[in-house]
Protein backbone atom coordinates (compact mmCIF):
# COMPACT_ATOMS: atom_id res chain seq x y z
CA UNK A 1 93.03 92.14 139.36
CA UNK A 2 91.19 93.96 136.54
CA UNK A 3 89.08 91.65 134.34
CA UNK A 4 89.67 92.88 130.77
CA UNK A 5 86.86 90.70 129.40
CA UNK A 6 84.37 92.96 131.19
CA UNK A 7 85.76 96.01 129.39
CA UNK A 8 86.29 94.59 125.89
CA UNK A 9 83.72 95.74 123.32
CA UNK A 10 82.26 93.54 120.60
CA UNK A 11 83.22 94.01 116.94
CA UNK A 12 79.72 95.33 116.13
CA UNK A 13 79.67 97.87 118.99
CA UNK A 14 77.83 101.07 118.03
CA UNK A 15 78.80 104.46 119.47
CA UNK A 16 76.27 106.97 120.75
CA UNK A 17 72.67 106.83 121.69
CA UNK A 18 70.21 104.85 119.64
CA UNK A 19 68.17 107.02 117.33
CA UNK A 20 66.24 106.88 114.10
CA UNK A 21 67.62 108.56 110.99
CA UNK A 22 65.32 111.22 109.54
CA UNK A 23 65.25 111.49 105.74
CA UNK A 24 64.62 115.18 105.08
CA UNK A 25 66.22 115.06 101.64
CA UNK A 26 65.85 112.46 98.91
CA UNK A 27 68.19 112.70 95.95
CA UNK A 28 66.57 112.89 92.50
CA UNK A 29 69.16 111.55 90.11
CA UNK A 30 70.71 108.54 88.44
CA UNK A 31 73.14 106.70 90.76
CA UNK A 32 76.75 107.83 90.38
CA UNK A 33 79.25 105.53 88.56
CA UNK A 34 81.13 104.72 91.80
CA UNK A 35 78.01 103.85 93.82
CA UNK A 36 76.70 100.35 94.46
CA UNK A 37 72.92 100.52 94.55
CA UNK A 38 69.71 98.51 94.69
CA UNK A 39 66.06 99.32 94.09
CA UNK A 40 63.44 98.70 96.75
CA UNK A 41 60.95 95.90 96.16
CA UNK A 42 57.56 97.62 96.43
CA UNK A 43 55.52 94.59 95.44
CA UNK A 44 55.67 91.37 93.45
CA UNK A 45 55.98 93.04 90.01
CA UNK A 46 59.58 94.28 90.42
CA UNK A 47 60.31 97.20 88.08
CA UNK A 48 56.63 97.40 87.06
CA UNK A 49 55.66 98.48 90.60
CA UNK A 50 57.17 101.93 89.93
CA UNK A 51 54.97 104.64 88.39
CA UNK A 52 55.30 106.10 84.89
CA UNK A 53 55.32 109.91 84.70
CA UNK A 54 56.14 112.93 82.52
CA UNK A 55 59.10 115.11 83.52
CA UNK A 56 60.25 118.42 82.04
CA UNK A 57 63.62 120.15 82.44
CA UNK A 58 63.17 123.88 83.06
CA UNK A 59 65.15 126.72 84.61
CA UNK A 60 64.08 127.76 88.08
CA UNK A 61 63.95 131.35 89.40
CA UNK A 62 67.77 131.29 89.86
CA UNK A 63 68.33 130.16 86.27
CA UNK A 64 69.36 126.61 87.29
CA UNK A 65 68.02 123.59 85.37
CA UNK A 66 65.61 121.52 87.44
CA UNK A 67 63.44 118.46 86.81
CA UNK A 68 59.71 119.07 87.27
CA UNK A 69 57.17 116.27 87.64
CA UNK A 70 54.01 117.00 85.61
CA UNK A 71 50.51 115.71 86.25
CA UNK A 72 48.99 114.12 83.10
CA UNK A 73 46.53 117.03 82.74
CA UNK A 74 49.28 119.66 82.91
CA UNK A 75 51.48 117.63 80.54
CA UNK A 76 48.68 117.33 77.96
CA UNK A 77 47.80 121.03 78.15
CA UNK A 78 51.27 122.58 78.29
CA UNK A 79 53.67 120.05 76.74
CA UNK A 80 54.36 122.25 73.70
CA UNK A 81 55.56 125.02 76.05
CA UNK A 82 57.45 122.71 78.43
CA UNK A 83 60.07 121.27 76.10
CA UNK A 84 62.21 119.34 76.65
CA UNK A 85 60.02 116.79 78.37
CA UNK A 86 60.20 113.01 78.55
CA UNK A 87 58.48 109.99 80.00
CA UNK A 88 60.14 108.25 82.92
CA UNK A 89 59.67 105.45 85.41
CA UNK A 90 60.27 106.80 88.95
CA UNK A 91 62.39 104.11 90.58
CA UNK A 92 63.10 104.21 94.31
CA UNK A 93 66.42 102.90 95.52
CA UNK A 94 69.38 103.24 97.83
CA UNK A 95 73.16 103.03 97.83
CA UNK A 96 75.29 100.68 99.91
CA UNK A 97 76.12 103.77 102.05
CA UNK A 98 72.48 104.33 102.95
CA UNK A 99 71.62 107.21 100.59
CA UNK A 100 68.07 106.94 99.25
CA UNK A 101 67.14 108.30 95.84
CA UNK A 102 64.47 108.59 93.20
CA UNK A 103 65.93 107.73 89.79
CA UNK A 104 63.78 108.80 86.82
CA UNK A 105 64.53 106.10 84.22
CA UNK A 106 63.65 107.61 80.85
CA UNK A 107 61.72 105.63 78.26
CA UNK A 108 59.97 106.24 74.98
CA UNK A 109 58.17 103.30 73.36
CA UNK A 110 57.88 105.15 70.01
CA UNK A 111 61.59 105.97 69.64
CA UNK A 112 63.97 103.27 70.89
CA UNK A 113 67.13 104.72 72.43
CA UNK A 114 70.09 102.61 73.57
CA UNK A 115 70.83 104.89 76.56
CA UNK A 116 67.24 104.52 77.82
CA UNK A 117 67.00 100.80 77.02
CA UNK A 118 70.22 99.91 78.85
CA UNK A 119 69.32 102.13 81.83
CA UNK A 120 66.02 100.24 82.14
CA UNK A 121 67.77 96.84 81.97
CA UNK A 122 70.16 97.94 84.73
CA UNK A 123 67.25 99.20 86.84
CA UNK A 124 65.52 95.83 86.43
CA UNK A 125 68.71 94.06 87.55
CA UNK A 126 68.97 96.41 90.56
CA UNK A 127 65.61 95.09 91.79
CA UNK A 128 67.45 91.86 92.70
CA UNK A 129 71.16 92.64 93.12
CA UNK A 130 73.79 95.24 94.00
CA UNK A 131 74.60 97.08 90.78
CA UNK A 132 76.65 99.93 89.32
CA UNK A 133 75.81 101.96 86.23
CA UNK A 134 78.51 103.47 84.04
CA UNK A 135 78.46 105.35 80.73
CA UNK A 136 80.00 103.77 77.64
CA UNK A 137 80.34 106.73 75.30
CA UNK A 138 81.80 104.59 72.49
CA UNK A 139 78.82 102.22 72.37
CA UNK A 140 76.42 105.06 73.35
CA UNK A 141 74.84 103.08 76.18
CA UNK A 142 75.11 102.30 79.89
CA UNK A 143 77.05 99.30 81.16
CA UNK A 144 76.04 97.23 84.14
CA UNK A 145 78.47 96.05 86.79
CA UNK A 146 77.32 93.33 89.16
CA UNK A 147 78.86 93.06 92.63
CA UNK A 148 80.99 89.95 93.17
CA UNK A 149 79.60 87.26 95.46
CA UNK A 150 82.41 87.89 97.95
CA UNK A 151 81.68 91.63 98.13
CA UNK A 152 77.95 90.95 98.32
CA UNK A 153 78.49 88.73 101.37
CA UNK A 154 80.63 91.45 102.98
CA UNK A 155 78.31 94.37 102.15
CA UNK A 156 75.89 95.27 104.93
CA UNK A 157 72.50 96.15 103.46
CA UNK A 158 71.60 99.41 105.26
CA UNK A 159 67.84 98.92 104.80
CA UNK A 160 67.49 95.16 104.21
CA UNK A 161 65.48 96.23 101.14
CA UNK A 162 62.77 97.81 103.34
CA UNK A 163 62.05 101.45 102.38
CA UNK A 164 62.79 103.78 105.33
CA UNK A 165 60.04 106.13 104.14
CA UNK A 166 57.06 105.39 101.85
CA UNK A 167 57.52 105.64 98.07
CA UNK A 168 55.02 108.54 97.85
CA UNK A 169 56.87 110.51 100.54
CA UNK A 170 60.22 109.87 98.81
CA UNK A 171 58.83 111.29 95.55
CA UNK A 172 57.50 114.36 97.38
CA UNK A 173 60.91 114.96 99.00
CA UNK A 174 62.81 114.36 95.74
CA UNK A 175 60.61 116.81 93.82
CA UNK A 176 60.05 119.32 96.62
CA UNK A 177 58.21 122.36 95.12
CA UNK A 178 58.65 120.77 91.68
CA UNK A 179 55.45 118.73 91.34
CA UNK A 180 53.33 120.63 88.83
CA UNK A 181 49.69 119.64 89.27
CA UNK A 182 47.93 123.01 88.87
CA UNK A 183 48.13 126.11 86.71
CA UNK A 184 49.12 128.10 89.82
CA UNK A 185 52.60 126.54 89.85
CA UNK A 186 55.41 129.06 89.04
CA UNK A 187 56.57 126.95 86.07
CA UNK A 188 53.14 127.25 84.47
CA UNK A 189 53.04 130.97 85.25
CA UNK A 190 56.36 131.33 83.37
CA UNK A 191 54.97 129.28 80.46
CA UNK A 192 51.88 131.52 80.40
CA UNK A 193 54.14 134.54 79.95
CA UNK A 194 55.98 132.80 77.08
CA UNK A 195 52.68 131.82 75.45
CA UNK A 196 51.38 135.41 75.65
CA UNK A 197 54.57 136.75 74.11
CA UNK A 198 54.00 134.71 70.92
């Protein structure tokens, strides 16, 4: 007689051959309102482990708005030609579905802004818990949703809070061809044309 116990698979059976996921693309954006997310713990300082940078929004060669990461030297030299620009903390996180991202959390210590302040508070919370971020247009701020304890117990952490690729590599992939650290970069070449036209 056929022994069905020898054929029955376990609940956690995984199909296919074992392999390692390759992260060729890293999203550069704020988490979407329907996504549960966390930030990776990169050290013992929580949110303060992430770097502070200058980012500008410029059109690329196709006319599409893109975020460009500026070195401090480039920012100091060309900031008047690279408006709008802002300061940001480059957080590194992931969704409950295993999507990794770099989220530039804007800040400006000279001009308090409720959108920026609430985004930062939510990012700090995401260092320790599953979180959602949603816009509250009436209050002109972001609201923070915390996952219930029941859902947290049932949610499988795809990375167990261990970054699948190093922080530096994630930033490179998120800003591919958009890290401006020399005057040879196409964005600076475009700015040079604008400056010469004045």
